[in-house]
C-alpha cells in the first residue's frame, strides 16, 4: 500500500482539528473573558534510508545530504492566547473588567479554587458576590442587606453606602487578582473557569496594580479576544489545506489503481 495514503490522512486529521478549534473560537466571539485557542502541529517520524553525512562521495568528504521520508503530521498542542480583549462599558457597578494580567479566584462546588477573567458578578441570596454560575468570589465579599450603592475602585477596594448610613461610605473588602508564570498551562473547565496544573505553576496573588497584575475597571466587561476576520482567513486556509490533502489521496489511489491494472 502506498505510504502517501497514510501520510495525507494525517494531514486531513490535522486540518480537521484546526477547523474544530477555529469553530470554537468563532462560537465564543461574544463570550465574556474568553481567550482564543491556537493549534500547533509537528511532523511525525522519518524513514531514513540514508542518514546525512554517513555516505561517502568520490572523495573522502561525507555527502551533505541524506534520504529521509516523512510520515505526516500530528497535533502537538493547543495554546490559549491571553491577549486582552476589548473593554465594553455596561454602567453596572458589579461588572468588573481586568485591564492587564490577572484572574479572579472563585470557589467551585467541590471546594477547589478555580480562576476566571469573567467579571460579570452577581449577588446571591446571602449577599455574597458570585459569578453567573453561583461560584463564590474569593476572598468573599458580603454586601449588607440595606446596601444602596456599591463601588469598586481600580485597586480593588469594595466600598458601599447603606440605608443606615446613606451619607457615609464604608469599605467592605479588597478584591485580589492572581497570575501564573505559564497561563497556557491552565486547564479549561468550561463556563469561563480554569484550574491550575503543574504546567501553569502556583498562582501569584496580589492586589490590582501590584506584582505585574492589571487594574480593575468597574462598569466594564472584557469581551473575547477573538478577531473574527483572522479566524475567517484561518478557516479558508484550513479548508484549502484539507482539500489539497484529499487530492493527494485521490492521486495516490489513481497511482495504486494503475499499478494493479498493469497486468491486465
C-alpha atoms as a PDB file:
ATOM      1  CA  UNK A   1       0.000   0.000   0.000  1.00  0.00           C
ATOM      2  CA  UNK A   2       1.261   3.475  -0.867  1.00  0.00           C
ATOM      3  CA  UNK A   3       2.735   5.312   2.127  1.00  0.00           C
ATOM      4  CA  UNK A   4       1.267   8.586   0.868  1.00  0.00           C
ATOM      5  CA  UNK A   5      -2.261   7.384   1.678  1.00  0.00           C
ATOM      6  CA  UNK A   6      -1.457   7.242   5.383  1.00  0.00           C
ATOM      7  CA  UNK A   7       0.666  10.399   5.292  1.00  0.00           C
ATOM      8  CA  UNK A   8      -2.036  12.557   3.713  1.00  0.00           C
ATOM      9  CA  UNK A   9      -4.626  11.067   6.064  1.00  0.00           C
ATOM     10  CA  UNK A  10      -2.694  12.586   8.980  1.00  0.00           C
ATOM     11  CA  UNK A  11      -2.791  15.927   7.167  1.00  0.00           C
ATOM     12  CA  UNK A  12      -6.569  15.726   6.800  1.00  0.00           C
ATOM     13  CA  UNK A  13      -6.959  14.923  10.509  1.00  0.00           C
ATOM     14  CA  UNK A  14      -4.726  17.870  11.405  1.00  0.00           C
ATOM     15  CA  UNK A  15      -6.746  20.300   9.299  1.00  0.00           C
ATOM     16  CA  UNK A  16      -9.997  18.950  10.736  1.00  0.00           C
ATOM     17  CA  UNK A  17      -8.651  19.692  14.218  1.00  0.00           C
ATOM     18  CA  UNK A  18      -7.747  23.176  13.028  1.00  0.00           C
ATOM     19  CA  UNK A  19     -11.285  23.760  11.752  1.00  0.00           C
ATOM     20  CA  UNK A  20     -12.747  22.475  15.045  1.00  0.00           C
ATOM     21  CA  UNK A  21     -10.620  24.948  17.015  1.00  0.00           C
ATOM     22  CA  UNK A  22     -11.493  27.853  14.719  1.00  0.00           C
ATOM     23  CA  UNK A  23     -15.182  26.964  15.054  1.00  0.00           C
ATOM     24  CA  UNK A  24     -14.900  27.108  18.851  1.00  0.00           C
ATOM     25  CA  UNK A  25     -13.174  30.485  18.662  1.00  0.00           C
ATOM     26  CA  UNK A  26     -15.898  31.894  16.408  1.00  0.00           C
ATOM     27  CA  UNK A  27     -18.677  30.411  18.565  1.00  0.00           C
ATOM     28  CA  UNK A  28     -17.268  32.270  21.604  1.00  0.00           C
ATOM     29  CA  UNK A  29     -16.711  35.608  19.891  1.00  0.00           C
ATOM     30  CA  UNK A  30     -19.169  37.264  22.317  1.00  0.00           C
ATOM     31  CA  UNK A  31     -18.276  35.229  25.429  1.00  0.00           C
ATOM     32  CA  UNK A  32     -17.129  37.474  28.288  1.00  0.00           C
ATOM     33  CA  UNK A  33     -13.451  36.971  29.121  1.00  0.00           C
ATOM     34  CA  UNK A  34     -12.982  34.216  26.520  1.00  0.00           C
ATOM     35  CA  UNK A  35      -9.442  33.677  25.221  1.00  0.00           C
ATOM     36  CA  UNK A  36      -8.934  32.208  21.776  1.00  0.00           C
ATOM     37  CA  UNK A  37      -7.024  28.976  21.208  1.00  0.00           C
ATOM     38  CA  UNK A  38      -4.259  28.258  18.715  1.00  0.00           C
ATOM     39  CA  UNK A  39      -3.251  24.807  17.488  1.00  0.00           C
ATOM     40  CA  UNK A  40       0.338  23.785  16.814  1.00  0.00           C
ATOM     41  CA  UNK A  41       1.439  20.737  14.826  1.00  0.00           C
ATOM     42  CA  UNK A  42       4.642  18.766  14.407  1.00  0.00           C
ATOM     43  CA  UNK A  43       5.956  16.339  11.818  1.00  0.00           C
ATOM     44  CA  UNK A  44       5.953  12.625  12.531  1.00  0.00           C
ATOM     45  CA  UNK A  45       8.807  10.108  12.459  1.00  0.00           C
ATOM     46  CA  UNK A  46      11.027   9.880   9.413  1.00  0.00           C
ATOM     47  CA  UNK A  47      12.086   6.817   7.484  1.00  0.00           C
ATOM     48  CA  UNK A  48      15.821   7.293   6.886  1.00  0.00           C
ATOM     49  CA  UNK A  49      17.281   5.032   4.187  1.00  0.00           C
ATOM     50  CA  UNK A  50      20.427   7.140   4.226  1.00  0.00           C
ATOM     51  CA  UNK A  51      21.437   9.417   7.069  1.00  0.00           C
ATOM     52  CA  UNK A  52      23.044  12.758   6.131  1.00  0.00           C
ATOM     53  CA  UNK A  53      26.823  12.697   6.446  1.00  0.00           C
ATOM     54  CA  UNK A  54      27.227   8.904   6.547  1.00  0.00           C
ATOM     55  CA  UNK A  55      27.552   8.117   2.862  1.00  0.00           C
ATOM     56  CA  UNK A  56      30.824   8.977   1.133  1.00  0.00           C
ATOM     57  CA  UNK A  57      31.210  10.501  -2.287  1.00  0.00           C
ATOM     58  CA  UNK A  58      34.015  10.052  -4.773  1.00  0.00           C
ATOM     59  CA  UNK A  59      36.416  11.673  -2.341  1.00  0.00           C
ATOM     60  CA  UNK A  60      36.797  11.434   1.403  1.00  0.00           C
ATOM     61  CA  UNK A  61      34.179  14.019   2.340  1.00  0.00           C
ATOM     62  CA  UNK A  62      30.745  12.958   3.533  1.00  0.00           C
ATOM     63  CA  UNK A  63      27.798  13.744   1.322  1.00  0.00           C
ATOM     64  CA  UNK A  64      25.993  16.876   2.533  1.00  0.00           C
ATOM     65  CA  UNK A  65      22.512  15.396   2.248  1.00  0.00           C
ATOM     66  CA  UNK A  66      20.797  12.114   3.015  1.00  0.00           C
ATOM     67  CA  UNK A  67      17.491  10.412   2.243  1.00  0.00           C
ATOM     68  CA  UNK A  68      14.631  10.952   4.685  1.00  0.00           C
ATOM     69  CA  UNK A  69      10.914  10.435   4.062  1.00  0.00           C
ATOM     70  CA  UNK A  70       8.379  11.892   6.481  1.00  0.00           C
ATOM     71  CA  UNK A  71       5.275  10.177   7.835  1.00  0.00           C
ATOM     72  CA  UNK A  72       2.918  13.134   8.101  1.00  0.00           C
ATOM     73  CA  UNK A  73       1.846  15.446  10.915  1.00  0.00           C
ATOM     74  CA  UNK A  74       0.046  15.383  14.247  1.00  0.00           C
ATOM     75  CA  UNK A  75      -1.353  17.795  16.803  1.00  0.00           C
ATOM     76  CA  UNK A  76       1.404  18.946  19.149  1.00  0.00           C
ATOM     77  CA  UNK A  77      -0.679  21.078  21.477  1.00  0.00           C
ATOM     78  CA  UNK A  78      -3.252  23.835  21.876  1.00  0.00           C
ATOM     79  CA  UNK A  79      -2.331  27.193  23.320  1.00  0.00           C
ATOM     80  CA  UNK A  80      -4.627  29.768  24.894  1.00  0.00           C
ATOM     81  CA  UNK A  81      -3.723  33.282  23.780  1.00  0.00           C
ATOM     82  CA  UNK A  82      -4.134  35.608  26.768  1.00  0.00           C
ATOM     83  CA  UNK A  83      -4.019  38.935  24.984  1.00  0.00           C
ATOM     84  CA  UNK A  84      -6.513  41.468  26.344  1.00  0.00           C
ATOM     85  CA  UNK A  85      -9.967  41.745  24.846  1.00  0.00           C
ATOM     86  CA  UNK A  86     -11.912  44.939  24.266  1.00  0.00           C
ATOM     87  CA  UNK A  87     -13.381  46.568  27.381  1.00  0.00           C
ATOM     88  CA  UNK A  88     -17.064  47.337  26.889  1.00  0.00           C
ATOM     89  CA  UNK A  89     -18.966  49.695  29.147  1.00  0.00           C
ATOM     90  CA  UNK A  90     -22.077  48.339  30.885  1.00  0.00           C
ATOM     91  CA  UNK A  91     -22.838  51.059  33.503  1.00  0.00           C
ATOM     92  CA  UNK A  92     -23.298  48.276  36.072  1.00  0.00           C
ATOM     93  CA  UNK A  93     -21.191  48.609  39.216  1.00  0.00           C
ATOM     94  CA  UNK A  94     -20.806  44.837  39.735  1.00  0.00           C
ATOM     95  CA  UNK A  95     -19.392  44.312  36.237  1.00  0.00           C
ATOM     96  CA  UNK A  96     -15.603  44.384  36.637  1.00  0.00           C
ATOM     97  CA  UNK A  97     -13.013  44.016  33.886  1.00  0.00           C
ATOM     98  CA  UNK A  98      -9.314  43.295  34.378  1.00  0.00           C
ATOM     99  CA  UNK A  99      -7.214  45.793  32.440  1.00  0.00           C
ATOM    100  CA  UNK A 100      -3.972  43.790  32.167  1.00  0.00           C
ATOM    101  CA  UNK A 101      -2.799  40.446  33.529  1.00  0.00           C
ATOM    102  CA  UNK A 102      -4.629  38.533  36.203  1.00  0.00           C
ATOM    103  CA  UNK A 103      -7.564  36.306  37.104  1.00  0.00           C
ATOM    104  CA  UNK A 104     -10.303  36.367  39.711  1.00  0.00           C
ATOM    105  CA  UNK A 105     -10.381  33.367  42.062  1.00  0.00           C
ATOM    106  CA  UNK A 106     -13.688  31.574  42.637  1.00  0.00           C
ATOM    107  CA  UNK A 107     -14.746  28.706  44.882  1.00  0.00           C
ATOM    108  CA  UNK A 108     -16.037  25.692  42.956  1.00  0.00           C
ATOM    109  CA  UNK A 109     -18.844  23.401  44.233  1.00  0.00           C
ATOM    110  CA  UNK A 110     -16.291  20.666  45.057  1.00  0.00           C
ATOM    111  CA  UNK A 111     -14.390  23.059  47.333  1.00  0.00           C
ATOM    112  CA  UNK A 112     -11.463  23.647  44.950  1.00  0.00           C
ATOM    113  CA  UNK A 113     -10.353  27.053  43.690  1.00  0.00           C
ATOM    114  CA  UNK A 114     -10.599  27.966  40.027  1.00  0.00           C
ATOM    115  CA  UNK A 115      -9.824  31.159  38.115  1.00  0.00           C
ATOM    116  CA  UNK A 116     -11.690  33.299  35.618  1.00  0.00           C
ATOM    117  CA  UNK A 117     -11.479  36.538  33.651  1.00  0.00           C
ATOM    118  CA  UNK A 118     -15.263  36.896  33.638  1.00  0.00           C
ATOM    119  CA  UNK A 119     -16.108  39.770  35.977  1.00  0.00           C
ATOM    120  CA  UNK A 120     -19.887  39.693  35.493  1.00  0.00           C
ATOM    121  CA  UNK A 121     -20.576  39.372  39.230  1.00  0.00           C
ATOM    122  CA  UNK A 122     -23.975  38.851  40.835  1.00  0.00           C
ATOM    123  CA  UNK A 123     -25.289  38.848  44.412  1.00  0.00           C
ATOM    124  CA  UNK A 124     -26.706  35.614  45.830  1.00  0.00           C
ATOM    125  CA  UNK A 125     -29.419  35.225  48.492  1.00  0.00           C
ATOM    126  CA  UNK A 126     -26.947  35.683  51.352  1.00  0.00           C
ATOM    127  CA  UNK A 127     -25.421  38.837  49.881  1.00  0.00           C
ATOM    128  CA  UNK A 128     -22.172  37.263  48.630  1.00  0.00           C
ATOM    129  CA  UNK A 129     -20.586  38.258  45.338  1.00  0.00           C
ATOM    130  CA  UNK A 130     -20.743  35.281  42.981  1.00  0.00           C
ATOM    131  CA  UNK A 131     -20.249  34.508  39.297  1.00  0.00           C
ATOM    132  CA  UNK A 132     -23.198  33.939  36.966  1.00  0.00           C
ATOM    133  CA  UNK A 133     -22.907  30.217  37.771  1.00  0.00           C
ATOM    134  CA  UNK A 134     -23.103  30.861  41.512  1.00  0.00           C
ATOM    135  CA  UNK A 135     -19.424  30.299  42.326  1.00  0.00           C
ATOM    136  CA  UNK A 136     -18.410  32.477  45.278  1.00  0.00           C
ATOM    137  CA  UNK A 137     -15.693  35.061  44.697  1.00  0.00           C
ATOM    138  CA  UNK A 138     -12.501  34.544  46.727  1.00  0.00           C
ATOM    139  CA  UNK A 139     -11.899  36.323  49.087  1.00  0.00           C
ATOM    140  CA  UNK A 140     -15.590  36.512  49.995  1.00  0.00           C
ATOM    141  CA  UNK A 141     -17.345  39.863  49.752  1.00  0.00           C
ATOM    142  CA  UNK A 142     -20.736  40.009  51.507  1.00  0.00           C
ATOM    143  CA  UNK A 143     -22.972  43.006  50.899  1.00  0.00           C
ATOM    144  CA  UNK A 144     -25.275  44.307  53.673  1.00  0.00           C
ATOM    145  CA  UNK A 145     -28.995  43.756  53.257  1.00  0.00           C
ATOM    146  CA  UNK A 146     -29.644  47.525  53.227  1.00  0.00           C
ATOM    147  CA  UNK A 147     -26.991  48.374  50.621  1.00  0.00           C
ATOM    148  CA  UNK A 148     -27.800  51.371  48.438  1.00  0.00           C
ATOM    149  CA  UNK A 149     -24.711  51.664  46.261  1.00  0.00           C
ATOM    150  CA  UNK A 150     -21.619  49.562  45.537  1.00  0.00           C
ATOM    151  CA  UNK A 151     -18.400  50.883  44.010  1.00  0.00           C
ATOM    152  CA  UNK A 152     -15.148  49.090  43.185  1.00  0.00           C
ATOM    153  CA  UNK A 153     -12.086  51.231  42.619  1.00  0.00           C
ATOM    154  CA  UNK A 154      -9.179  50.352  40.280  1.00  0.00           C
ATOM    155  CA  UNK A 155      -7.141  48.956  43.204  1.00  0.00           C
ATOM    156  CA  UNK A 156      -9.940  46.525  44.092  1.00  0.00           C
ATOM    157  CA  UNK A 157     -11.380  48.190  47.185  1.00  0.00           C
ATOM    158  CA  UNK A 158     -15.103  47.476  47.560  1.00  0.00           C
ATOM    159  CA  UNK A 159     -16.996  50.423  49.051  1.00  0.00           C
ATOM    160  CA  UNK A 160     -20.712  50.671  49.844  1.00  0.00           C
ATOM    161  CA  UNK A 161     -23.343  53.095  51.057  1.00  0.00           C
ATOM    162  CA  UNK A 162     -26.171  51.664  53.131  1.00  0.00           C
ATOM    163  CA  UNK A 163     -29.648  52.841  54.131  1.00  0.00           C
ATOM    164  CA  UNK A 164     -28.452  53.099  57.731  1.00  0.00           C
ATOM    165  CA  UNK A 165     -25.609  55.481  56.777  1.00  0.00           C
ATOM    166  CA  UNK A 166     -26.522  56.988  53.400  1.00  0.00           C
ATOM    167  CA  UNK A 167     -24.040  59.846  53.706  1.00  0.00           C
ATOM    168  CA  UNK A 168     -21.044  57.697  54.619  1.00  0.00           C
ATOM    169  CA  UNK A 169     -19.019  55.252  52.541  1.00  0.00           C
ATOM    170  CA  UNK A 170     -17.520  52.193  54.176  1.00  0.00           C
ATOM    171  CA  UNK A 171     -15.028  49.684  52.797  1.00  0.00           C
ATOM    172  CA  UNK A 172     -16.314  46.103  52.828  1.00  0.00           C
ATOM    173  CA  UNK A 173     -13.305  44.276  51.464  1.00  0.00           C
ATOM    174  CA  UNK A 174     -10.479  44.038  48.982  1.00  0.00           C
ATOM    175  CA  UNK A 175     -10.561  42.187  45.670  1.00  0.00           C
ATOM    176  CA  UNK A 176      -7.417  40.247  44.773  1.00  0.00           C
ATOM    177  CA  UNK A 177      -6.021  39.123  41.460  1.00  0.00           C
ATOM    178  CA  UNK A 178      -3.868  36.144  40.574  1.00  0.00           C
ATOM    179  CA  UNK A 179      -1.474  35.469  37.741  1.00  0.00           C
ATOM    180  CA  UNK A 180       0.552  32.469  36.590  1.00  0.00           C
ATOM    181  CA  UNK A 181       4.042  32.048  35.190  1.00  0.00           C
ATOM    182  CA  UNK A 182       2.573  29.909  32.395  1.00  0.00           C
ATOM    183  CA  UNK A 183      -1.129  30.740  31.930  1.00  0.00           C
ATOM    184  CA  UNK A 184      -1.238  28.487  28.854  1.00  0.00           C
ATOM    185  CA  UNK A 185      -0.799  25.564  31.260  1.00  0.00           C
ATOM    186  CA  UNK A 186      -4.168  26.226  32.917  1.00  0.00           C
ATOM    187  CA  UNK A 187      -6.835  23.568  32.421  1.00  0.00           C
ATOM    188  CA  UNK A 188     -10.030  24.968  30.873  1.00  0.00           C
ATOM    189  CA  UNK A 189     -13.123  23.537  32.575  1.00  0.00           C
ATOM    190  CA  UNK A 190     -15.737  25.404  30.567  1.00  0.00           C
ATOM    191  CA  UNK A 191     -18.098  28.075  31.924  1.00  0.00           C
ATOM    192  CA  UNK A 192     -15.165  30.551  31.641  1.00  0.00           C
ATOM    193  CA  UNK A 193     -13.217  28.971  34.516  1.00  0.00           C
ATOM    194  CA  UNK A 194      -9.747  27.458  34.549  1.00  0.00           C
ATOM    195  CA  UNK A 195      -7.932  25.230  37.015  1.00  0.00           C
ATOM    196  CA  UNK A 196      -4.185  25.394  37.793  1.00  0.00           C
ATOM    197  CA  UNK A 197      -1.932  22.472  36.911  1.00  0.00           C
ATOM    198  CA  UNK A 198       1.717  21.603  37.390  1.00  0.00           C
ATOM    199  CA  UNK A 199       2.360  23.165  33.981  1.00  0.00           C
ATOM    200  CA  UNK A 200       0.865  26.536  34.981  1.00  0.00           C
ATOM    201  CA  UNK A 201       2.640  26.744  38.329  1.00  0.00           C
ATOM    202  CA  UNK A 202       1.207  28.132  41.541  1.00  0.00           C
ATOM    203  CA  UNK A 203      -0.754  31.414  41.472  1.00  0.00           C
ATOM    204  CA  UNK A 204       0.976  34.670  42.299  1.00  0.00           C
ATOM    205  CA  UNK A 205      -1.526  36.651  44.382  1.00  0.00           C
ATOM    206  CA  UNK A 206      -1.657  40.371  44.974  1.00  0.00           C
ATOM    207  CA  UNK A 207      -3.744  43.498  44.832  1.00  0.00           C
ATOM    208  CA  UNK A 208      -4.614  45.015  41.460  1.00  0.00           C
ATOM    209  CA  UNK A 209      -1.761  47.118  40.132  1.00  0.00           C
ATOM    210  CA  UNK A 210       0.910  45.211  42.070  1.00  0.00           C
ATOM    211  CA  UNK A 211       3.226  42.303  41.175  1.00  0.00           C
ATOM    212  CA  UNK A 212       2.560  42.761  37.457  1.00  0.00           C
ATOM    213  CA  UNK A 213      -1.202  42.461  37.901  1.00  0.00           C
ATOM    214  CA  UNK A 214      -3.655  44.618  35.979  1.00  0.00           C
ATOM    215  CA  UNK A 215      -6.034  47.249  37.269  1.00  0.00           C
ATOM    216  CA  UNK A 216      -9.786  46.847  37.678  1.00  0.00           C
ATOM    217  CA  UNK A 217     -12.361  48.756  35.655  1.00  0.00           C
ATOM    218  CA  UNK A 218     -15.773  48.819  37.332  1.00  0.00           C
ATOM    219  CA  UNK A 219     -18.716  49.220  34.970  1.00  0.00           C
ATOM    220  CA  UNK A 220     -16.913  47.363  32.172  1.00  0.00           C
ATOM    221  CA  UNK A 221     -16.694  43.782  30.894  1.00  0.00           C
ATOM    222  CA  UNK A 222     -13.842  42.263  28.911  1.00  0.00           C
ATOM    223  CA  UNK A 223     -15.041  40.832  25.636  1.00  0.00           C
ATOM    224  CA  UNK A 224     -13.467  37.912  23.806  1.00  0.00           C
ATOM    225  CA  UNK A 225     -10.075  38.497  22.180  1.00  0.00           C
ATOM    226  CA  UNK A 226     -11.207  36.612  19.058  1.00  0.00           C
ATOM    227  CA  UNK A 227     -10.634  38.605  15.863  1.00  0.00           C
ATOM    228  CA  UNK A 228     -13.366  37.352  13.553  1.00  0.00           C
ATOM    229  CA  UNK A 229     -11.577  38.407  10.346  1.00  0.00           C
ATOM    230  CA  UNK A 230      -8.423  36.496  11.302  1.00  0.00           C
ATOM    231  CA  UNK A 231     -10.487  33.430  12.179  1.00  0.00           C
ATOM    232  CA  UNK A 232     -12.264  33.506   8.817  1.00  0.00           C
ATOM    233  CA  UNK A 233      -8.929  33.754   6.997  1.00  0.00           C
ATOM    234  CA  UNK A 234      -7.571  30.829   9.024  1.00  0.00           C
ATOM    235  CA  UNK A 235     -10.742  28.888   8.232  1.00  0.00           C
ATOM    236  CA  UNK A 236     -10.219  29.382   4.488  1.00  0.00           C
ATOM    237  CA  UNK A 237      -6.571  28.309   4.773  1.00  0.00           C
ATOM    238  CA  UNK A 238      -7.507  25.174   6.745  1.00  0.00           C
ATOM    239  CA  UNK A 239     -10.274  24.295   4.291  1.00  0.00           C
ATOM    240  CA  UNK A 240      -7.957  24.623   1.294  1.00  0.00           C
ATOM    241  CA  UNK A 241      -5.270  22.560   3.039  1.00  0.00           C
ATOM    242  CA  UNK A 242      -7.872  19.857   3.719  1.00  0.00           C
ATOM    243  CA  UNK A 243      -8.873  19.870   0.041  1.00  0.00           C
ATOM    244  CA  UNK A 244      -5.246  19.579  -1.114  1.00  0.00           C
ATOM    245  CA  UNK A 245      -4.675  16.615   1.202  1.00  0.00           C
ATOM    246  CA  UNK A 246      -7.801  14.932  -0.154  1.00  0.00           C
ATOM    247  CA  UNK A 247      -6.494  15.492  -3.695  1.00  0.00           C
ATOM    248  CA  UNK A 248      -3.240  13.799  -2.690  1.00  0.00           C
ATOM    249  CA  UNK A 249      -5.225  10.772  -1.508  1.00  0.00           C
ATOM    250  CA  UNK A 250      -7.077  10.694  -4.834  1.00  0.00           C
ATOM    251  CA  UNK A 251      -3.772  10.874  -6.712  1.00  0.00           C
ATOM    252  CA  UNK A 252      -2.336   8.029  -4.606  1.00  0.00           C
ATOM    253  CA  UNK A 253      -5.474   5.983  -5.262  1.00  0.00           C
ATOM    254  CA  UNK A 254      -5.162   6.521  -9.001  1.00  0.00           C
ATOM    255  CA  UNK A 255      -1.490   5.511  -8.940  1.00  0.00           C
ATOM    256  CA  UNK A 256      -2.349   2.368  -6.965  1.00  0.00           C
ATOM    257  CA  UNK A 257      -5.140   1.557  -9.394  1.00  0.00           C
ATOM    258  CA  UNK A 258      -2.772   1.973 -12.345  1.00  0.00           C
ATOM    259  CA  UNK A 259      -0.198  -0.317 -10.710  1.00  0.00           C
ATOM    260  CA  UNK A 260      -2.744  -3.064 -10.040  1.00  0.00           C
ATOM    261  CA  UNK A 261      -4.091  -2.915 -13.594  1.00  0.00           C
ATOM    262  CA  UNK A 262      -0.707  -3.202 -15.345  1.00  0.00           C
ATOM    263  CA  UNK A 263      -1.043  -6.918 -15.797  1.00  0.00           C
ATOM    264  CA  UNK A 264      -4.482  -6.754 -17.358  1.00  0.00           C
END
